[in-house]
Amino acid sequence: MAIKKVQSSMVWAVDYDRKTQVLEVAFKRTGVFRYEGVPPAEYRSMMRSDSIGSYLRSCIIGMYRERRMD
């Protein structure tokens, strides 16, 4: 996986593994969360969205299995 810094008031960086369909998101305030089963098309849509934070809230958080990473 390759960490990508993003322009967002909510997110510092994201990491995605296409083979395992795991998305890791480094939030600025709450730490790193892992989302499992995120299809590549969903990841691409998030990265192309006008607001990564809004996209996460509406399409990722609560929709995919998530786990907080320590």
PDB file of N, CA and C in Angstrom:
ATOM      1  N   MET A   1       0.849  -1.173   0.000  1.00  0.00           N
ATOM      2  CA  MET A   1       0.000   0.000   0.000  1.00  0.00           C
ATOM      3  C   MET A   1       0.897   1.239   0.000  1.00  0.00           C
ATOM      4  N   ALA A   2       0.397   2.293  -0.583  1.00  0.00           N
ATOM      5  CA  ALA A   2       1.170   3.532  -0.671  1.00  0.00           C
ATOM      6  C   ALA A   2       0.349   4.678  -0.076  1.00  0.00           C
ATOM      7  N   ILE A   3       0.886   5.291   0.961  1.00  0.00           N
ATOM      8  CA  ILE A   3       0.189   6.387   1.633  1.00  0.00           C
ATOM      9  C   ILE A   3       0.159   7.604   0.716  1.00  0.00           C
ATOM     10  N   LYS A   4      -1.027   8.204   0.599  1.00  0.00           N
ATOM     11  CA  LYS A   4      -1.191   9.407  -0.203  1.00  0.00           C
ATOM     12  C   LYS A   4      -1.717  10.520   0.689  1.00  0.00           C
ATOM     13  N   LYS A   5      -0.969  11.591   0.794  1.00  0.00           N
ATOM     14  CA  LYS A   5      -1.466  12.760   1.514  1.00  0.00           C
ATOM     15  C   LYS A   5      -2.560  13.393   0.669  1.00  0.00           C
ATOM     16  N   VAL A   6      -3.589  13.898   1.330  1.00  0.00           N
ATOM     17  CA  VAL A   6      -4.719  14.482   0.620  1.00  0.00           C
ATOM     18  C   VAL A   6      -5.022  15.880   1.147  1.00  0.00           C
ATOM     19  N   GLN A   7      -5.708  16.660   0.323  1.00  0.00           N
ATOM     20  CA  GLN A   7      -6.162  17.986   0.708  1.00  0.00           C
ATOM     21  C   GLN A   7      -7.550  17.834   1.318  1.00  0.00           C
ATOM     22  N   SER A   8      -7.617  17.926   2.627  1.00  0.00           N
ATOM     23  CA  SER A   8      -8.890  17.746   3.329  1.00  0.00           C
ATOM     24  C   SER A   8      -8.764  18.346   4.719  1.00  0.00           C
ATOM     25  N   SER A   9      -9.856  18.939   5.195  1.00  0.00           N
ATOM     26  CA  SER A   9      -9.840  19.469   6.557  1.00  0.00           C
ATOM     27  C   SER A   9     -10.024  18.350   7.580  1.00  0.00           C
ATOM     28  N   MET A  10     -10.483  17.186   7.138  1.00  0.00           N
ATOM     29  CA  MET A  10     -10.802  16.075   8.023  1.00  0.00           C
ATOM     30  C   MET A  10      -9.769  14.946   7.976  1.00  0.00           C
ATOM     31  N   VAL A  11      -9.116  14.777   6.834  1.00  0.00           N
ATOM     32  CA  VAL A  11      -8.245  13.625   6.581  1.00  0.00           C
ATOM     33  C   VAL A  11      -6.835  14.095   6.246  1.00  0.00           C
ATOM     34  N   TRP A  12      -5.850  13.439   6.871  1.00  0.00           N
ATOM     35  CA  TRP A  12      -4.452  13.746   6.591  1.00  0.00           C
ATOM     36  C   TRP A  12      -3.944  12.936   5.398  1.00  0.00           C
ATOM     37  N   ALA A  13      -4.259  11.615   5.384  1.00  0.00           N
ATOM     38  CA  ALA A  13      -3.749  10.742   4.325  1.00  0.00           C
ATOM     39  C   ALA A  13      -4.625   9.500   4.193  1.00  0.00           C
ATOM     40  N   VAL A  14      -4.506   8.832   3.038  1.00  0.00           N
ATOM     41  CA  VAL A  14      -5.216   7.577   2.803  1.00  0.00           C
ATOM     42  C   VAL A  14      -4.240   6.557   2.233  1.00  0.00           C
ATOM     43  N   ASP A  15      -4.590   5.315   2.403  1.00  0.00           N
ATOM     44  CA  ASP A  15      -3.792   4.200   1.924  1.00  0.00           C
ATOM     45  C   ASP A  15      -4.773   3.149   1.427  1.00  0.00           C
ATOM     46  N   TYR A  16      -4.537   2.578   0.247  1.00  0.00           N
ATOM     47  CA  TYR A  16      -5.478   1.600  -0.299  1.00  0.00           C
ATOM     48  C   TYR A  16      -4.723   0.437  -0.910  1.00  0.00           C
ATOM     49  N   ASP A  17      -5.180  -0.778  -0.605  1.00  0.00           N
ATOM     50  CA  ASP A  17      -4.628  -1.993  -1.189  1.00  0.00           C
ATOM     51  C   ASP A  17      -5.700  -2.612  -2.073  1.00  0.00           C
ATOM     52  N   ARG A  18      -5.469  -2.550  -3.349  1.00  0.00           N
ATOM     53  CA  ARG A  18      -6.447  -3.043  -4.323  1.00  0.00           C
ATOM     54  C   ARG A  18      -6.686  -4.556  -4.202  1.00  0.00           C
ATOM     55  N   LYS A  19      -5.630  -5.308  -3.924  1.00  0.00           N
ATOM     56  CA  LYS A  19      -5.765  -6.770  -3.833  1.00  0.00           C
ATOM     57  C   LYS A  19      -6.660  -7.191  -2.672  1.00  0.00           C
ATOM     58  N   THR A  20      -6.451  -6.579  -1.516  1.00  0.00           N
ATOM     59  CA  THR A  20      -7.230  -6.957  -0.332  1.00  0.00           C
ATOM     60  C   THR A  20      -8.460  -6.075  -0.136  1.00  0.00           C
ATOM     61  N   GLN A  21      -8.579  -5.024  -0.936  1.00  0.00           N
ATOM     62  CA  GLN A  21      -9.673  -4.051  -0.852  1.00  0.00           C
ATOM     63  C   GLN A  21      -9.769  -3.435   0.549  1.00  0.00           C
ATOM     64  N   VAL A  22      -8.600  -3.078   1.077  1.00  0.00           N
ATOM     65  CA  VAL A  22      -8.518  -2.431   2.392  1.00  0.00           C
ATOM     66  C   VAL A  22      -8.154  -0.961   2.200  1.00  0.00           C
ATOM     67  N   LEU A  23      -8.960  -0.111   2.790  1.00  0.00           N
ATOM     68  CA  LEU A  23      -8.728   1.330   2.778  1.00  0.00           C
ATOM     69  C   LEU A  23      -8.356   1.758   4.190  1.00  0.00           C
ATOM     70  N   GLU A  24      -7.234   2.435   4.333  1.00  0.00           N
ATOM     71  CA  GLU A  24      -6.855   2.994   5.624  1.00  0.00           C
ATOM     72  C   GLU A  24      -6.899   4.514   5.506  1.00  0.00           C
ATOM     73  N   VAL A  25      -7.526   5.134   6.491  1.00  0.00           N
ATOM     74  CA  VAL A  25      -7.693   6.580   6.492  1.00  0.00           C
ATOM     75  C   VAL A  25      -7.095   7.146   7.768  1.00  0.00           C
ATOM     76  N   ALA A  26      -6.185   8.101   7.614  1.00  0.00           N
ATOM     77  CA  ALA A  26      -5.591   8.792   8.759  1.00  0.00           C
ATOM     78  C   ALA A  26      -6.357  10.096   8.951  1.00  0.00           C
ATOM     79  N   PHE A  27      -7.258  10.090   9.931  1.00  0.00           N
ATOM     80  CA  PHE A  27      -8.037  11.281  10.238  1.00  0.00           C
ATOM     81  C   PHE A  27      -7.195  12.227  11.084  1.00  0.00           C
ATOM     82  N   LYS A  28      -7.406  13.506  10.907  1.00  0.00           N
ATOM     83  CA  LYS A  28      -6.613  14.497  11.635  1.00  0.00           C
ATOM     84  C   LYS A  28      -6.887  14.490  13.131  1.00  0.00           C
ATOM     85  N   ARG A  29      -8.101  14.143  13.534  1.00  0.00           N
ATOM     86  CA  ARG A  29      -8.454  14.220  14.958  1.00  0.00           C
ATOM     87  C   ARG A  29      -8.654  12.878  15.646  1.00  0.00           C
ATOM     88  N   THR A  30      -9.033  11.859  14.904  1.00  0.00           N
ATOM     89  CA  THR A  30      -9.424  10.609  15.564  1.00  0.00           C
ATOM     90  C   THR A  30      -8.490   9.434  15.306  1.00  0.00           C
ATOM     91  N   GLY A  31      -7.440   9.622  14.525  1.00  0.00           N
ATOM     92  CA  GLY A  31      -6.495   8.546  14.284  1.00  0.00           C
ATOM     93  C   GLY A  31      -6.749   7.793  12.992  1.00  0.00           C
ATOM     94  N   VAL A  32      -6.187   6.602  12.917  1.00  0.00           N
ATOM     95  CA  VAL A  32      -6.237   5.797  11.696  1.00  0.00           C
ATOM     96  C   VAL A  32      -7.310   4.726  11.820  1.00  0.00           C
ATOM     97  N   PHE A  33      -8.137   4.628  10.772  1.00  0.00           N
ATOM     98  CA  PHE A  33      -9.179   3.613  10.697  1.00  0.00           C
ATOM     99  C   PHE A  33      -8.985   2.792   9.439  1.00  0.00           C
ATOM    100  N   ARG A  34      -9.287   1.498   9.542  1.00  0.00           N
ATOM    101  CA  ARG A  34      -9.208   0.569   8.415  1.00  0.00           C
ATOM    102  C   ARG A  34     -10.624   0.169   8.014  1.00  0.00           C
ATOM    103  N   TYR A  35     -10.897   0.234   6.722  1.00  0.00           N
ATOM    104  CA  TYR A  35     -12.193  -0.154   6.157  1.00  0.00           C
ATOM    105  C   TYR A  35     -11.958  -1.326   5.213  1.00  0.00           C
ATOM    106  N   GLU A  36     -12.669  -2.418   5.449  1.00  0.00           N
ATOM    107  CA  GLU A  36     -12.456  -3.640   4.675  1.00  0.00           C
ATOM    108  C   GLU A  36     -13.543  -3.836   3.630  1.00  0.00           C
ATOM    109  N   GLY A  37     -13.154  -4.404   2.490  1.00  0.00           N
ATOM    110  CA  GLY A  37     -14.108  -4.717   1.433  1.00  0.00           C
ATOM    111  C   GLY A  37     -14.489  -3.530   0.567  1.00  0.00           C
ATOM    112  N   VAL A  38     -13.641  -2.516   0.528  1.00  0.00           N
ATOM    113  CA  VAL A  38     -13.919  -1.329  -0.276  1.00  0.00           C
ATOM    114  C   VAL A  38     -13.462  -1.602  -1.713  1.00  0.00           C
ATOM    115  N   PRO A  39     -14.403  -1.628  -2.659  1.00  0.00           N
ATOM    116  CA  PRO A  39     -14.036  -1.923  -4.047  1.00  0.00           C
ATOM    117  C   PRO A  39     -13.158  -0.810  -4.647  1.00  0.00           C
ATOM    118  N   PRO A  40     -12.329  -1.166  -5.623  1.00  0.00           N
ATOM    119  CA  PRO A  40     -11.481  -0.158  -6.265  1.00  0.00           C
ATOM    120  C   PRO A  40     -12.272   1.028  -6.825  1.00  0.00           C
ATOM    121  N   ALA A  41     -13.433   0.774  -7.382  1.00  0.00           N
ATOM    122  CA  ALA A  41     -14.247   1.864  -7.945  1.00  0.00           C
ATOM    123  C   ALA A  41     -14.689   2.845  -6.855  1.00  0.00           C
ATOM    124  N   GLU A  42     -14.969   2.329  -5.675  1.00  0.00           N
ATOM    125  CA  GLU A  42     -15.358   3.195  -4.548  1.00  0.00           C
ATOM    126  C   GLU A  42     -14.179   4.073  -4.129  1.00  0.00           C
ATOM    127  N   TYR A  43     -12.998   3.478  -4.071  1.00  0.00           N
ATOM    128  CA  TYR A  43     -11.792   4.239  -3.727  1.00  0.00           C
ATOM    129  C   TYR A  43     -11.539   5.332  -4.760  1.00  0.00           C
ATOM    130  N   ARG A  44     -11.632   4.982  -6.040  1.00  0.00           N
ATOM    131  CA  ARG A  44     -11.412   5.978  -7.099  1.00  0.00           C
ATOM    132  C   ARG A  44     -12.427   7.117  -6.998  1.00  0.00           C
ATOM    133  N   SER A  45     -13.676   6.773  -6.740  1.00  0.00           N
ATOM    134  CA  SER A  45     -14.712   7.809  -6.596  1.00  0.00           C
ATOM    135  C   SER A  45     -14.393   8.739  -5.433  1.00  0.00           C
ATOM    136  N   MET A  46     -13.934   8.175  -4.324  1.00  0.00           N
ATOM    137  CA  MET A  46     -13.573   8.992  -3.169  1.00  0.00           C
ATOM    138  C   MET A  46     -12.436   9.949  -3.521  1.00  0.00           C
ATOM    139  N   MET A  47     -11.423   9.428  -4.191  1.00  0.00           N
ATOM    140  CA  MET A  47     -10.265  10.257  -4.521  1.00  0.00           C
ATOM    141  C   MET A  47     -10.600  11.342  -5.539  1.00  0.00           C
ATOM    142  N   ARG A  48     -11.613  11.135  -6.344  1.00  0.00           N
ATOM    143  CA  ARG A  48     -12.031  12.123  -7.352  1.00  0.00           C
ATOM    144  C   ARG A  48     -13.085  13.095  -6.835  1.00  0.00           C
ATOM    145  N   SER A  49     -13.595  12.841  -5.658  1.00  0.00           N
ATOM    146  CA  SER A  49     -14.676  13.669  -5.127  1.00  0.00           C
ATOM    147  C   SER A  49     -14.175  15.069  -4.762  1.00  0.00           C
ATOM    148  N   ASP A  50     -15.085  16.012  -4.707  1.00  0.00           N
ATOM    149  CA  ASP A  50     -14.753  17.387  -4.323  1.00  0.00           C
ATOM    150  C   ASP A  50     -14.357  17.466  -2.856  1.00  0.00           C
ATOM    151  N   SER A  51     -14.917  16.563  -2.037  1.00  0.00           N
ATOM    152  CA  SER A  51     -14.626  16.565  -0.609  1.00  0.00           C
ATOM    153  C   SER A  51     -14.462  15.127  -0.128  1.00  0.00           C
ATOM    154  N   ILE A  52     -13.237  14.768   0.204  1.00  0.00           N
ATOM    155  CA  ILE A  52     -12.976  13.410   0.685  1.00  0.00           C
ATOM    156  C   ILE A  52     -13.708  13.155   1.997  1.00  0.00           C
ATOM    157  N   GLY A  53     -13.717  14.134   2.885  1.00  0.00           N
ATOM    158  CA  GLY A  53     -14.410  13.978   4.164  1.00  0.00           C
ATOM    159  C   GLY A  53     -15.895  13.726   3.989  1.00  0.00           C
ATOM    160  N   SER A  54     -16.537  14.501   3.122  1.00  0.00           N
ATOM    161  CA  SER A  54     -17.970  14.306   2.857  1.00  0.00           C
ATOM    162  C   SER A  54     -18.230  12.947   2.230  1.00  0.00           C
ATOM    163  N   TYR A  55     -17.365  12.546   1.318  1.00  0.00           N
ATOM    164  CA  TYR A  55     -17.518  11.245   0.675  1.00  0.00           C
ATOM    165  C   TYR A  55     -17.395  10.132   1.701  1.00  0.00           C
ATOM    166  N   LEU A  56     -16.404  10.237   2.567  1.00  0.00           N
ATOM    167  CA  LEU A  56     -16.245   9.223   3.615  1.00  0.00           C
ATOM    168  C   LEU A  56     -17.496   9.128   4.476  1.00  0.00           C
ATOM    169  N   ARG A  57     -18.027  10.270   4.893  1.00  0.00           N
ATOM    170  CA  ARG A  57     -19.215  10.259   5.759  1.00  0.00           C
ATOM    171  C   ARG A  57     -20.433   9.665   5.061  1.00  0.00           C
ATOM    172  N   SER A  58     -20.585   9.923   3.767  1.00  0.00           N
ATOM    173  CA  SER A  58     -21.798   9.457   3.089  1.00  0.00           C
ATOM    174  C   SER A  58     -21.672   8.071   2.457  1.00  0.00           C
ATOM    175  N   CYS A  59     -20.453   7.642   2.112  1.00  0.00           N
ATOM    176  CA  CYS A  59     -20.319   6.399   1.343  1.00  0.00           C
ATOM    177  C   CYS A  59     -19.424   5.317   1.949  1.00  0.00           C
ATOM    178  N   ILE A  60     -18.597   5.661   2.929  1.00  0.00           N
ATOM    179  CA  ILE A  60     -17.649   4.681   3.472  1.00  0.00           C
ATOM    180  C   ILE A  60     -17.943   4.362   4.940  1.00  0.00           C
ATOM    181  N   ILE A  61     -17.971   5.396   5.776  1.00  0.00           N
ATOM    182  CA  ILE A  61     -18.172   5.196   7.216  1.00  0.00           C
ATOM    183  C   ILE A  61     -19.559   4.616   7.464  1.00  0.00           C
ATOM    184  N   GLY A  62     -19.609   3.499   8.145  1.00  0.00           N
ATOM    185  CA  GLY A  62     -20.883   2.835   8.418  1.00  0.00           C
ATOM    186  C   GLY A  62     -21.343   1.895   7.322  1.00  0.00           C
ATOM    187  N   MET A  63     -20.675   1.936   6.178  1.00  0.00           N
ATOM    188  CA  MET A  63     -21.049   1.069   5.057  1.00  0.00           C
ATOM    189  C   MET A  63     -20.136  -0.149   4.940  1.00  0.00           C
ATOM    190  N   TYR A  64     -18.919  -0.003   5.421  1.00  0.00           N
ATOM    191  CA  TYR A  64     -17.929  -1.074   5.350  1.00  0.00           C
ATOM    192  C   TYR A  64     -17.445  -1.398   6.753  1.00  0.00           C
ATOM    193  N   ARG A  65     -17.009  -2.620   6.919  1.00  0.00           N
ATOM    194  CA  ARG A  65     -16.469  -3.045   8.221  1.00  0.00           C
ATOM    195  C   ARG A  65     -15.273  -2.160   8.564  1.00  0.00           C
ATOM    196  N   GLU A  66     -15.297  -1.586   9.741  1.00  0.00           N
ATOM    197  CA  GLU A  66     -14.221  -0.685  10.123  1.00  0.00           C
ATOM    198  C   GLU A  66     -13.589  -1.085  11.444  1.00  0.00           C
ATOM    199  N   ARG A  67     -12.323  -0.658  11.580  1.00  0.00           N
ATOM    200  CA  ARG A  67     -11.580  -0.975  12.801  1.00  0.00           C
ATOM    201  C   ARG A  67     -10.585   0.146  13.037  1.00  0.00           C
ATOM    202  N   ARG A  68     -10.511   0.585  14.261  1.00  0.00           N
ATOM    203  CA  ARG A  68      -9.535   1.614  14.619  1.00  0.00           C
ATOM    204  C   ARG A  68      -8.165   0.956  14.794  1.00  0.00           C
ATOM    205  N   MET A  69      -7.146   1.551  14.206  1.00  0.00           N
ATOM    206  CA  MET A  69      -5.796   1.027  14.272  1.00  0.00           C
ATOM    207  C   MET A  69      -5.045   1.755  15.385  1.00  0.00           C
ATOM    208  N   ASP A  70      -4.219   1.037  16.120  1.00  0.00           N
ATOM    209  CA  ASP A  70      -3.425   1.651  17.175  1.00  0.00           C
ATOM    210  C   ASP A  70      -2.043   1.979  16.681  1.00  0.00           C
TER     211      ASP A  70
END
